Amino acid sequence: QGNLYFGAQDDAVYSLTARGAFRWKAMTAGDVDAPVVIVSDGVL
């Protein structure tokens, strides 16, 4: 649908709309330098 998902060094995974608007943020306990992947509908 054009939505975007990425990790960052503030220990979080983010999702944005295609316009760059914030959708959600989820916290891990370490830097997320690795590319995130979507393995099936609704599963990242």
PDB file of all heavy atoms in Angstrom:
ATOM      1  N   GLN A   1       0.803  -1.213   0.000  1.00  0.00           N
ATOM      2  CA  GLN A   1       0.000   0.000   0.000  1.00  0.00           C
ATOM      3  C   GLN A   1       0.841   1.269   0.000  1.00  0.00           C
ATOM      4  O   GLN A   1       0.303   2.372   0.054  1.00  0.00           O
ATOM      5  CB  GLN A   1      -0.931  -0.003   1.222  1.00  0.00           C
ATOM      6  CG  GLN A   1      -1.950  -1.133   1.205  1.00  0.00           C
ATOM      7  CD  GLN A   1      -2.831  -1.141   2.436  1.00  0.00           C
ATOM      8  OE1 GLN A   1      -2.496  -0.546   3.472  1.00  0.00           O
ATOM      9  NE2 GLN A   1      -3.959  -1.818   2.348  1.00  0.00           N
ATOM     10  N   GLY A   2       2.163   1.125  -0.047  1.00  0.00           N
ATOM     11  CA  GLY A   2       3.046   2.280  -0.058  1.00  0.00           C
ATOM     12  C   GLY A   2       3.516   2.729   1.309  1.00  0.00           C
ATOM     13  O   GLY A   2       4.297   3.676   1.408  1.00  0.00           O
ATOM     14  N   ASN A   3       3.081   2.055   2.387  1.00  0.00           N
ATOM     15  CA  ASN A   3       3.555   2.395   3.727  1.00  0.00           C
ATOM     16  C   ASN A   3       5.002   1.934   3.906  1.00  0.00           C
ATOM     17  O   ASN A   3       5.452   0.986   3.239  1.00  0.00           O
ATOM     18  CB  ASN A   3       2.666   1.743   4.781  1.00  0.00           C
ATOM     19  CG  ASN A   3       1.239   2.240   4.708  1.00  0.00           C
ATOM     20  OD1 ASN A   3       0.996   3.443   4.699  1.00  0.00           O
ATOM     21  ND2 ASN A   3       0.293   1.318   4.627  1.00  0.00           N
ATOM     22  N   LEU A   4       5.720   2.574   4.818  1.00  0.00           N
ATOM     23  CA  LEU A   4       7.152   2.345   4.992  1.00  0.00           C
ATOM     24  C   LEU A   4       7.450   1.852   6.407  1.00  0.00           C
ATOM     25  O   LEU A   4       6.796   2.268   7.368  1.00  0.00           O
ATOM     26  CB  LEU A   4       7.922   3.642   4.724  1.00  0.00           C
ATOM     27  CG  LEU A   4       7.694   4.277   3.349  1.00  0.00           C
ATOM     28  CD1 LEU A   4       8.326   5.662   3.288  1.00  0.00           C
ATOM     29  CD2 LEU A   4       8.240   3.384   2.235  1.00  0.00           C
ATOM     30  N   TYR A   5       8.501   0.994   6.534  1.00  0.00           N
ATOM     31  CA  TYR A   5       8.887   0.401   7.811  1.00  0.00           C
ATOM     32  C   TYR A   5      10.409   0.387   7.887  1.00  0.00           C
ATOM     33  O   TYR A   5      11.082  -0.037   6.949  1.00  0.00           O
ATOM     34  CB  TYR A   5       8.357  -1.030   7.932  1.00  0.00           C
ATOM     35  CG  TYR A   5       6.864  -1.138   7.693  1.00  0.00           C
ATOM     36  CD1 TYR A   5       6.357  -1.176   6.392  1.00  0.00           C
ATOM     37  CD2 TYR A   5       5.968  -1.189   8.754  1.00  0.00           C
ATOM     38  CE1 TYR A   5       4.991  -1.255   6.156  1.00  0.00           C
ATOM     39  CE2 TYR A   5       4.594  -1.280   8.528  1.00  0.00           C
ATOM     40  CZ  TYR A   5       4.117  -1.309   7.230  1.00  0.00           C
ATOM     41  OH  TYR A   5       2.762  -1.380   7.002  1.00  0.00           O
ATOM     42  N   PHE A   6      10.966   0.826   9.050  1.00  0.00           N
ATOM     43  CA  PHE A   6      12.421   0.851   9.194  1.00  0.00           C
ATOM     44  C   PHE A   6      12.789   0.800  10.672  1.00  0.00           C
ATOM     45  O   PHE A   6      11.979   1.084  11.553  1.00  0.00           O
ATOM     46  CB  PHE A   6      13.018   2.112   8.553  1.00  0.00           C
ATOM     47  CG  PHE A   6      12.615   3.398   9.225  1.00  0.00           C
ATOM     48  CD1 PHE A   6      13.428   3.987  10.195  1.00  0.00           C
ATOM     49  CD2 PHE A   6      11.425   4.037   8.894  1.00  0.00           C
ATOM     50  CE1 PHE A   6      13.068   5.170  10.820  1.00  0.00           C
ATOM     51  CE2 PHE A   6      11.052   5.227   9.519  1.00  0.00           C
ATOM     52  CZ  PHE A   6      11.866   5.797  10.483  1.00  0.00           C
ATOM     53  N   GLY A   7      14.040   0.420  10.923  1.00  0.00           N
ATOM     54  CA  GLY A   7      14.588   0.436  12.272  1.00  0.00           C
ATOM     55  C   GLY A   7      15.594   1.559  12.418  1.00  0.00           C
ATOM     56  O   GLY A   7      16.102   2.104  11.427  1.00  0.00           O
ATOM     57  N   ALA A   8      15.911   1.921  13.683  1.00  0.00           N
ATOM     58  CA  ALA A   8      16.823   3.025  13.935  1.00  0.00           C
ATOM     59  C   ALA A   8      17.654   2.754  15.180  1.00  0.00           C
ATOM     60  O   ALA A   8      17.390   1.813  15.933  1.00  0.00           O
ATOM     61  CB  ALA A   8      16.049   4.336  14.085  1.00  0.00           C
ATOM     62  N   GLN A   9      18.660   3.597  15.393  1.00  0.00           N
ATOM     63  CA  GLN A   9      19.568   3.412  16.517  1.00  0.00           C
ATOM     64  C   GLN A   9      19.031   3.967  17.830  1.00  0.00           C
ATOM     65  O   GLN A   9      19.736   3.975  18.832  1.00  0.00           O
ATOM     66  CB  GLN A   9      20.939   4.016  16.179  1.00  0.00           C
ATOM     67  CG  GLN A   9      21.654   3.229  15.103  1.00  0.00           C
ATOM     68  CD  GLN A   9      23.035   3.758  14.785  1.00  0.00           C
ATOM     69  OE1 GLN A   9      23.432   4.830  15.238  1.00  0.00           O
ATOM     70  NE2 GLN A   9      23.783   3.009  14.000  1.00  0.00           N
ATOM     71  N   ASP A  10      17.772   4.402  17.843  1.00  0.00           N
ATOM     72  CA  ASP A  10      17.123   4.727  19.110  1.00  0.00           C
ATOM     73  C   ASP A  10      16.355   3.506  19.636  1.00  0.00           C
ATOM     74  O   ASP A  10      15.467   3.634  20.473  1.00  0.00           O
ATOM     75  CB  ASP A  10      16.198   5.933  18.972  1.00  0.00           C
ATOM     76  CG  ASP A  10      15.027   5.678  18.020  1.00  0.00           C
ATOM     77  OD1 ASP A  10      15.046   4.664  17.299  1.00  0.00           O
ATOM     78  OD2 ASP A  10      14.088   6.492  17.995  1.00  0.00           O
ATOM     79  N   ASP A  11      16.711   2.315  19.118  1.00  0.00           N
ATOM     80  CA  ASP A  11      16.181   1.021  19.566  1.00  0.00           C
ATOM     81  C   ASP A  11      14.756   0.765  19.097  1.00  0.00           C
ATOM     82  O   ASP A  11      14.096  -0.147  19.612  1.00  0.00           O
ATOM     83  CB  ASP A  11      16.221   0.889  21.096  1.00  0.00           C
ATOM     84  CG  ASP A  11      17.602   1.074  21.690  1.00  0.00           C
ATOM     85  OD1 ASP A  11      18.579   1.125  20.920  1.00  0.00           O
ATOM     86  OD2 ASP A  11      17.707   1.175  22.921  1.00  0.00           O
ATOM     87  N   ALA A  12      14.279   1.514  18.124  1.00  0.00           N
ATOM     88  CA  ALA A  12      12.871   1.404  17.737  1.00  0.00           C
ATOM     89  C   ALA A  12      12.705   0.954  16.290  1.00  0.00           C
ATOM     90  O   ALA A  12      13.590   1.107  15.452  1.00  0.00           O
ATOM     91  CB  ALA A  12      12.175   2.749  17.931  1.00  0.00           C
ATOM     92  N   VAL A  13      11.521   0.385  16.031  1.00  0.00           N
ATOM     93  CA  VAL A  13      11.047   0.118  14.677  1.00  0.00           C
ATOM     94  C   VAL A  13       9.899   1.090  14.419  1.00  0.00           C
ATOM     95  O   VAL A  13       9.001   1.254  15.261  1.00  0.00           O
ATOM     96  CB  VAL A  13      10.562  -1.329  14.519  1.00  0.00           C
ATOM     97  CG1 VAL A  13      10.026  -1.566  13.108  1.00  0.00           C
ATOM     98  CG2 VAL A  13      11.691  -2.310  14.823  1.00  0.00           C
ATOM     99  N   TYR A  14       9.932   1.751  13.262  1.00  0.00           N
ATOM    100  CA  TYR A  14       8.930   2.760  12.915  1.00  0.00           C
ATOM    101  C   TYR A  14       8.138   2.335  11.688  1.00  0.00           C
ATOM    102  O   TYR A  14       8.637   1.595  10.829  1.00  0.00           O
ATOM    103  CB  TYR A  14       9.605   4.090  12.563  1.00  0.00           C
ATOM    104  CG  TYR A  14      10.239   4.836  13.700  1.00  0.00           C
ATOM    105  CD1 TYR A  14      11.537   4.556  14.112  1.00  0.00           C
ATOM    106  CD2 TYR A  14       9.554   5.867  14.345  1.00  0.00           C
ATOM    107  CE1 TYR A  14      12.135   5.266  15.147  1.00  0.00           C
ATOM    108  CE2 TYR A  14      10.141   6.597  15.371  1.00  0.00           C
ATOM    109  CZ  TYR A  14      11.428   6.292  15.772  1.00  0.00           C
ATOM    110  OH  TYR A  14      12.028   6.999  16.784  1.00  0.00           O
ATOM    111  N   SER A  15       6.926   2.897  11.587  1.00  0.00           N
ATOM    112  CA  SER A  15       6.169   2.830  10.346  1.00  0.00           C
ATOM    113  C   SER A  15       5.666   4.228  10.002  1.00  0.00           C
ATOM    114  O   SER A  15       5.221   4.978  10.881  1.00  0.00           O
ATOM    115  CB  SER A  15       4.983   1.871  10.465  1.00  0.00           C
ATOM    116  OG  SER A  15       4.225   1.869   9.256  1.00  0.00           O
ATOM    117  N   LEU A  16       5.760   4.572   8.712  1.00  0.00           N
ATOM    118  CA  LEU A  16       5.288   5.851   8.192  1.00  0.00           C
ATOM    119  C   LEU A  16       4.331   5.593   7.033  1.00  0.00           C
ATOM    120  O   LEU A  16       4.366   4.533   6.407  1.00  0.00           O
ATOM    121  CB  LEU A  16       6.461   6.700   7.668  1.00  0.00           C
ATOM    122  CG  LEU A  16       7.681   6.897   8.558  1.00  0.00           C
ATOM    123  CD1 LEU A  16       8.738   7.707   7.799  1.00  0.00           C
ATOM    124  CD2 LEU A  16       7.305   7.597   9.853  1.00  0.00           C
ATOM    125  N   THR A  17       3.507   6.576   6.739  1.00  0.00           N
ATOM    126  CA  THR A  17       2.725   6.517   5.519  1.00  0.00           C
ATOM    127  C   THR A  17       3.629   6.840   4.338  1.00  0.00           C
ATOM    128  O   THR A  17       4.775   7.261   4.504  1.00  0.00           O
ATOM    129  CB  THR A  17       1.563   7.520   5.537  1.00  0.00           C
ATOM    130  OG1 THR A  17       2.103   8.849   5.446  1.00  0.00           O
ATOM    131  CG2 THR A  17       0.731   7.384   6.808  1.00  0.00           C
ATOM    132  N   ALA A  18       3.083   6.685   3.140  1.00  0.00           N
ATOM    133  CA  ALA A  18       3.848   7.036   1.937  1.00  0.00           C
ATOM    134  C   ALA A  18       4.158   8.520   1.879  1.00  0.00           C
ATOM    135  O   ALA A  18       5.072   8.944   1.170  1.00  0.00           O
ATOM    136  CB  ALA A  18       3.077   6.614   0.686  1.00  0.00           C
ATOM    137  N   ARG A  19       3.418   9.337   2.634  1.00  0.00           N
ATOM    138  CA  ARG A  19       3.695  10.774   2.706  1.00  0.00           C
ATOM    139  C   ARG A  19       4.689  11.131   3.798  1.00  0.00           C
ATOM    140  O   ARG A  19       4.982  12.289   4.026  1.00  0.00           O
ATOM    141  CB  ARG A  19       2.393  11.534   2.956  1.00  0.00           C
ATOM    142  CG  ARG A  19       1.468  11.613   1.752  1.00  0.00           C
ATOM    143  CD  ARG A  19       0.228  12.406   2.098  1.00  0.00           C
ATOM    144  NE  ARG A  19      -0.578  12.682   0.922  1.00  0.00           N
ATOM    145  CZ  ARG A  19      -1.738  13.340   0.954  1.00  0.00           C
ATOM    146  NH1 ARG A  19      -2.201  13.770   2.118  1.00  0.00           N
ATOM    147  NH2 ARG A  19      -2.408  13.559  -0.147  1.00  0.00           N
ATOM    148  N   GLY A  20       5.156  10.138   4.548  1.00  0.00           N
ATOM    149  CA  GLY A  20       6.115  10.406   5.611  1.00  0.00           C
ATOM    150  C   GLY A  20       5.489  10.739   6.936  1.00  0.00           C
ATOM    151  O   GLY A  20       6.188  11.181   7.856  1.00  0.00           O
ATOM    152  N   ALA A  21       4.179  10.520   7.084  1.00  0.00           N
ATOM    153  CA  ALA A  21       3.510  10.786   8.364  1.00  0.00           C
ATOM    154  C   ALA A  21       3.670   9.588   9.297  1.00  0.00           C
ATOM    155  O   ALA A  21       3.642   8.433   8.861  1.00  0.00           O
ATOM    156  CB  ALA A  21       2.030  11.074   8.136  1.00  0.00           C
ATOM    157  N   PHE A  22       3.828   9.875  10.571  1.00  0.00           N
ATOM    158  CA  PHE A  22       4.034   8.838  11.580  1.00  0.00           C
ATOM    159  C   PHE A  22       2.803   7.948  11.713  1.00  0.00           C
ATOM    160  O   PHE A  22       1.671   8.424  11.819  1.00  0.00           O
ATOM    161  CB  PHE A  22       4.340   9.518  12.916  1.00  0.00           C
ATOM    162  CG  PHE A  22       4.454   8.566  14.073  1.00  0.00           C
ATOM    163  CD1 PHE A  22       5.562   7.759  14.226  1.00  0.00           C
ATOM    164  CD2 PHE A  22       3.435   8.490  15.016  1.00  0.00           C
ATOM    165  CE1 PHE A  22       5.664   6.889  15.299  1.00  0.00           C
ATOM    166  CE2 PHE A  22       3.534   7.635  16.097  1.00  0.00           C
ATOM    167  CZ  PHE A  22       4.641   6.825  16.234  1.00  0.00           C
ATOM    168  N   ARG A  23       3.023   6.606  11.695  1.00  0.00           N
ATOM    169  CA  ARG A  23       1.940   5.641  11.920  1.00  0.00           C
ATOM    170  C   ARG A  23       2.089   4.968  13.279  1.00  0.00           C
ATOM    171  O   ARG A  23       1.189   4.957  14.080  1.00  0.00           O
ATOM    172  CB  ARG A  23       1.942   4.566  10.832  1.00  0.00           C
ATOM    173  CG  ARG A  23       1.637   5.057   9.439  1.00  0.00           C
ATOM    174  CD  ARG A  23       1.700   3.919   8.433  1.00  0.00           C
ATOM    175  NE  ARG A  23       0.517   3.078   8.484  1.00  0.00           N
ATOM    176  CZ  ARG A  23       0.541   1.747   8.315  1.00  0.00           C
ATOM    177  NH1 ARG A  23       1.699   1.123   8.143  1.00  0.00           N
ATOM    178  NH2 ARG A  23      -0.567   1.056   8.337  1.00  0.00           N
ATOM    179  N   TRP A  24       3.290   4.367  13.533  1.00  0.00           N
ATOM    180  CA  TRP A  24       3.531   3.741  14.829  1.00  0.00           C
ATOM    181  C   TRP A  24       5.019   3.563  15.081  1.00  0.00           C
ATOM    182  O   TRP A  24       5.833   3.696  14.174  1.00  0.00           O
ATOM    183  CB  TRP A  24       2.782   2.416  14.968  1.00  0.00           C
ATOM    184  CG  TRP A  24       3.014   1.348  13.921  1.00  0.00           C
ATOM    185  CD1 TRP A  24       2.160   0.996  12.907  1.00  0.00           C
ATOM    186  CD2 TRP A  24       4.138   0.448  13.798  1.00  0.00           C
ATOM    187  NE1 TRP A  24       2.684  -0.032  12.155  1.00  0.00           N
ATOM    188  CE2 TRP A  24       3.890  -0.404  12.690  1.00  0.00           C
ATOM    189  CE3 TRP A  24       5.321   0.287  14.516  1.00  0.00           C
ATOM    190  CZ2 TRP A  24       4.780  -1.392  12.278  1.00  0.00           C
ATOM    191  CZ3 TRP A  24       6.230  -0.710  14.107  1.00  0.00           C
ATOM    192  CH2 TRP A  24       5.957  -1.527  13.006  1.00  0.00           C
ATOM    193  N   LYS A  25       5.316   3.265  16.348  1.00  0.00           N
ATOM    194  CA  LYS A  25       6.683   3.057  16.804  1.00  0.00           C
ATOM    195  C   LYS A  25       6.661   1.946  17.847  1.00  0.00           C
ATOM    196  O   LYS A  25       5.830   1.958  18.756  1.00  0.00           O
ATOM    197  CB  LYS A  25       7.225   4.346  17.413  1.00  0.00           C
ATOM    198  CG  LYS A  25       8.577   4.233  18.113  1.00  0.00           C
ATOM    199  CD  LYS A  25       8.961   5.582  18.703  1.00  0.00           C
ATOM    200  CE  LYS A  25      10.301   5.531  19.435  1.00  0.00           C
ATOM    201  NZ  LYS A  25      10.673   6.865  19.967  1.00  0.00           N
ATOM    202  N   ALA A  26       7.561   0.961  17.708  1.00  0.00           N
ATOM    203  CA  ALA A  26       7.651  -0.153  18.658  1.00  0.00           C
ATOM    204  C   ALA A  26       9.087  -0.280  19.145  1.00  0.00           C
ATOM    205  O   ALA A  26      10.039  -0.142  18.366  1.00  0.00           O
ATOM    206  CB  ALA A  26       7.203  -1.460  18.008  1.00  0.00           C
ATOM    207  N   MET A  27       9.264  -0.556  20.441  1.00  0.00           N
ATOM    208  CA  MET A  27      10.583  -0.520  21.067  1.00  0.00           C
ATOM    209  C   MET A  27      11.201  -1.900  21.234  1.00  0.00           C
ATOM    210  O   MET A  27      10.546  -2.848  21.673  1.00  0.00           O
ATOM    211  CB  MET A  27      10.478   0.131  22.451  1.00  0.00           C
ATOM    212  CG  MET A  27      10.072   1.599  22.427  1.00  0.00           C
ATOM    213  SD  MET A  27      11.195   2.640  21.464  1.00  0.00           S
ATOM    214  CE  MET A  27      12.741   2.384  22.343  1.00  0.00           C
ATOM    215  N   THR A  28      12.497  -2.002  20.880  1.00  0.00           N
ATOM    216  CA  THR A  28      13.316  -3.162  21.231  1.00  0.00           C
ATOM    217  C   THR A  28      14.281  -2.718  22.333  1.00  0.00           C
ATOM    218  O   THR A  28      14.144  -1.632  22.887  1.00  0.00           O
ATOM    219  CB  THR A  28      14.088  -3.681  20.004  1.00  0.00           C
ATOM    220  OG1 THR A  28      15.212  -2.817  19.732  1.00  0.00           O
ATOM    221  CG2 THR A  28      13.210  -3.747  18.770  1.00  0.00           C
ATOM    222  N   ALA A  29      15.275  -3.559  22.617  1.00  0.00           N
ATOM    223  CA  ALA A  29      16.249  -3.208  23.658  1.00  0.00           C
ATOM    224  C   ALA A  29      17.640  -2.975  23.075  1.00  0.00           C
ATOM    225  O   ALA A  29      18.634  -3.047  23.790  1.00  0.00           O
ATOM    226  CB  ALA A  29      16.299  -4.300  24.725  1.00  0.00           C
ATOM    227  N   GLY A  30      17.721  -2.693  21.782  1.00  0.00           N
ATOM    228  CA  GLY A  30      19.012  -2.442  21.153  1.00  0.00           C
ATOM    229  C   GLY A  30      18.832  -1.735  19.823  1.00  0.00           C
ATOM    230  O   GLY A  30      17.715  -1.617  19.295  1.00  0.00           O
ATOM    231  N   ASP A  31      19.940  -1.243  19.252  1.00  0.00           N
ATOM    232  CA  ASP A  31      19.897  -0.607  17.937  1.00  0.00           C
ATOM    233  C   ASP A  31      19.271  -1.550  16.922  1.00  0.00           C
ATOM    234  O   ASP A  31      19.529  -2.766  16.940  1.00  0.00           O
ATOM    235  CB  ASP A  31      21.305  -0.254  17.454  1.00  0.00           C
ATOM    236  CG  ASP A  31      21.977   0.812  18.301  1.00  0.00           C
ATOM    237  OD1 ASP A  31      21.310   1.385  19.176  1.00  0.00           O
ATOM    238  OD2 ASP A  31      23.185   1.048  18.074  1.00  0.00           O
ATOM    239  N   VAL A  32      18.492  -0.987  16.018  1.00  0.00           N
ATOM    240  CA  VAL A  32      17.929  -1.774  14.914  1.00  0.00           C
ATOM    241  C   VAL A  32      18.601  -1.283  13.631  1.00  0.00           C
ATOM    242  O   VAL A  32      18.080  -0.429  12.921  1.00  0.00           O
ATOM    243  CB  VAL A  32      16.400  -1.651  14.843  1.00  0.00           C
ATOM    244  CG1 VAL A  32      15.841  -2.575  13.745  1.00  0.00           C
ATOM    245  CG2 VAL A  32      15.763  -1.996  16.188  1.00  0.00           C
ATOM    246  N   ASP A  33      19.785  -1.813  13.371  1.00  0.00           N
ATOM    247  CA  ASP A  33      20.544  -1.465  12.174  1.00  0.00           C
ATOM    248  C   ASP A  33      20.187  -2.362  10.999  1.00  0.00           C
ATOM    249  O   ASP A  33      20.396  -1.995   9.840  1.00  0.00           O
ATOM    250  CB  ASP A  33      22.051  -1.579  12.437  1.00  0.00           C
ATOM    251  CG  ASP A  33      22.583  -0.428  13.278  1.00  0.00           C
ATOM    252  OD1 ASP A  33      22.055   0.685  13.147  1.00  0.00           O
ATOM    253  OD2 ASP A  33      23.517  -0.651  14.070  1.00  0.00           O
ATOM    254  N   ALA A  34      19.699  -3.561  11.289  1.00  0.00           N
ATOM    255  CA  ALA A  34      19.371  -4.515  10.233  1.00  0.00           C
ATOM    256  C   ALA A  34      18.124  -4.066   9.483  1.00  0.00           C
ATOM    257  O   ALA A  34      17.192  -3.523  10.083  1.00  0.00           O
ATOM    258  CB  ALA A  34      19.139  -5.894  10.841  1.00  0.00           C
ATOM    259  N   PRO A  35      18.073  -4.286   8.155  1.00  0.00           N
ATOM    260  CA  PRO A  35      16.827  -4.001   7.432  1.00  0.00           C
ATOM    261  C   PRO A  35      15.691  -4.861   7.987  1.00  0.00           C
ATOM    262  O   PRO A  35      15.878  -6.038   8.272  1.00  0.00           O
ATOM    263  CB  PRO A  35      17.156  -4.399   5.992  1.00  0.00           C
ATOM    264  CG  PRO A  35      18.655  -4.376   5.905  1.00  0.00           C
ATOM    265  CD  PRO A  35      19.141  -4.776   7.258  1.00  0.00           C
ATOM    266  N   VAL A  36      14.526  -4.247   8.168  1.00  0.00           N
ATOM    267  CA  VAL A  36      13.357  -5.014   8.582  1.00  0.00           C
ATOM    268  C   VAL A  36      12.701  -5.604   7.339  1.00  0.00           C
ATOM    269  O   VAL A  36      12.835  -5.064   6.234  1.00  0.00           O
ATOM    270  CB  VAL A  36      12.362  -4.149   9.378  1.00  0.00           C
ATOM    271  CG1 VAL A  36      13.040  -3.561  10.606  1.00  0.00           C
ATOM    272  CG2 VAL A  36      11.777  -3.043   8.512  1.00  0.00           C
ATOM    273  N   VAL A  37      11.984  -6.718   7.505  1.00  0.00           N
ATOM    274  CA  VAL A  37      11.366  -7.391   6.362  1.00  0.00           C
ATOM    275  C   VAL A  37       9.928  -7.751   6.707  1.00  0.00           C
ATOM    276  O   VAL A  37       9.592  -8.005   7.865  1.00  0.00           O
ATOM    277  CB  VAL A  37      12.140  -8.659   5.949  1.00  0.00           C
ATOM    278  CG1 VAL A  37      13.544  -8.311   5.451  1.00  0.00           C
ATOM    279  CG2 VAL A  37      12.220  -9.661   7.088  1.00  0.00           C
ATOM    280  N   ILE A  38       9.076  -7.789   5.682  1.00  0.00           N
ATOM    281  CA  ILE A  38       7.694  -8.239   5.815  1.00  0.00           C
ATOM    282  C   ILE A  38       7.631  -9.631   5.205  1.00  0.00           C
ATOM    283  O   ILE A  38       7.897  -9.805   4.008  1.00  0.00           O
ATOM    284  CB  ILE A  38       6.724  -7.279   5.110  1.00  0.00           C
ATOM    285  CG1 ILE A  38       6.942  -5.849   5.590  1.00  0.00           C
ATOM    286  CG2 ILE A  38       5.272  -7.701   5.365  1.00  0.00           C
ATOM    287  CD1 ILE A  38       6.172  -4.801   4.794  1.00  0.00           C
ATOM    288  N   VAL A  39       7.311 -10.640   6.002  1.00  0.00           N
ATOM    289  CA  VAL A  39       7.379 -12.025   5.534  1.00  0.00           C
ATOM    290  C   VAL A  39       6.035 -12.556   5.053  1.00  0.00           C
ATOM    291  O   VAL A  39       5.978 -13.566   4.345  1.00  0.00           O
ATOM    292  CB  VAL A  39       7.961 -12.959   6.626  1.00  0.00           C
ATOM    293  CG1 VAL A  39       9.412 -12.604   6.894  1.00  0.00           C
ATOM    294  CG2 VAL A  39       7.145 -12.891   7.905  1.00  0.00           C
ATOM    295  N   SER A  40       4.957 -11.914   5.440  1.00  0.00           N
ATOM    296  CA  SER A  40       3.619 -12.235   4.955  1.00  0.00           C
ATOM    297  C   SER A  40       2.715 -11.075   5.339  1.00  0.00           C
ATOM    298  O   SER A  40       3.132 -10.160   6.062  1.00  0.00           O
ATOM    299  CB  SER A  40       3.104 -13.554   5.556  1.00  0.00           C
ATOM    300  OG  SER A  40       3.026 -13.466   6.965  1.00  0.00           O
ATOM    301  N   ASP A  41       1.465 -11.085   4.864  1.00  0.00           N
ATOM    302  CA  ASP A  41       0.574  -9.975   5.185  1.00  0.00           C
ATOM    303  C   ASP A  41       0.452  -9.801   6.692  1.00  0.00           C
ATOM    304  O   ASP A  41       0.097 -10.735   7.424  1.00  0.00           O
ATOM    305  CB  ASP A  41      -0.810 -10.216   4.586  1.00  0.00           C
ATOM    306  CG  ASP A  41      -0.865  -9.907   3.097  1.00  0.00           C
ATOM    307  OD1 ASP A  41      -0.059  -9.081   2.629  1.00  0.00           O
ATOM    308  OD2 ASP A  41      -1.713 -10.493   2.401  1.00  0.00           O
ATOM    309  N   GLY A  42       0.778  -8.588   7.159  1.00  0.00           N
ATOM    310  CA  GLY A  42       0.627  -8.263   8.566  1.00  0.00           C
ATOM    311  C   GLY A  42       1.704  -8.789   9.483  1.00  0.00           C
ATOM    312  O   GLY A  42       1.583  -8.659  10.704  1.00  0.00           O
ATOM    313  N   VAL A  43       2.796  -9.344   8.941  1.00  0.00           N
ATOM    314  CA  VAL A  43       3.861  -9.920   9.780  1.00  0.00           C
ATOM    315  C   VAL A  43       5.208  -9.333   9.367  1.00  0.00           C
ATOM    316  O   VAL A  43       5.651  -9.510   8.232  1.00  0.00           O
ATOM    317  CB  VAL A  43       3.907 -11.452   9.679  1.00  0.00           C
ATOM    318  CG1 VAL A  43       5.016 -12.006  10.585  1.00  0.00           C
ATOM    319  CG2 VAL A  43       2.562 -12.062  10.040  1.00  0.00           C
ATOM    320  N   LEU A  44       5.858  -8.649  10.308  1.00  0.00           N
ATOM    321  CA  LEU A  44       7.148  -8.009  10.067  1.00  0.00           C
ATOM    322  C   LEU A  44       8.180  -8.594  11.027  1.00  0.00           C
ATOM    323  O   LEU A  44       7.868  -8.856  12.191  1.00  0.00           O
ATOM    324  CB  LEU A  44       7.012  -6.499  10.267  1.00  0.00           C
ATOM    325  CG  LEU A  44       8.232  -5.612  10.068  1.00  0.00           C
ATOM    326  CD1 LEU A  44       7.809  -4.270   9.473  1.00  0.00           C
ATOM    327  CD2 LEU A  44       8.970  -5.367  11.374  1.00  0.00           C
TER     328      LEU A  44
END
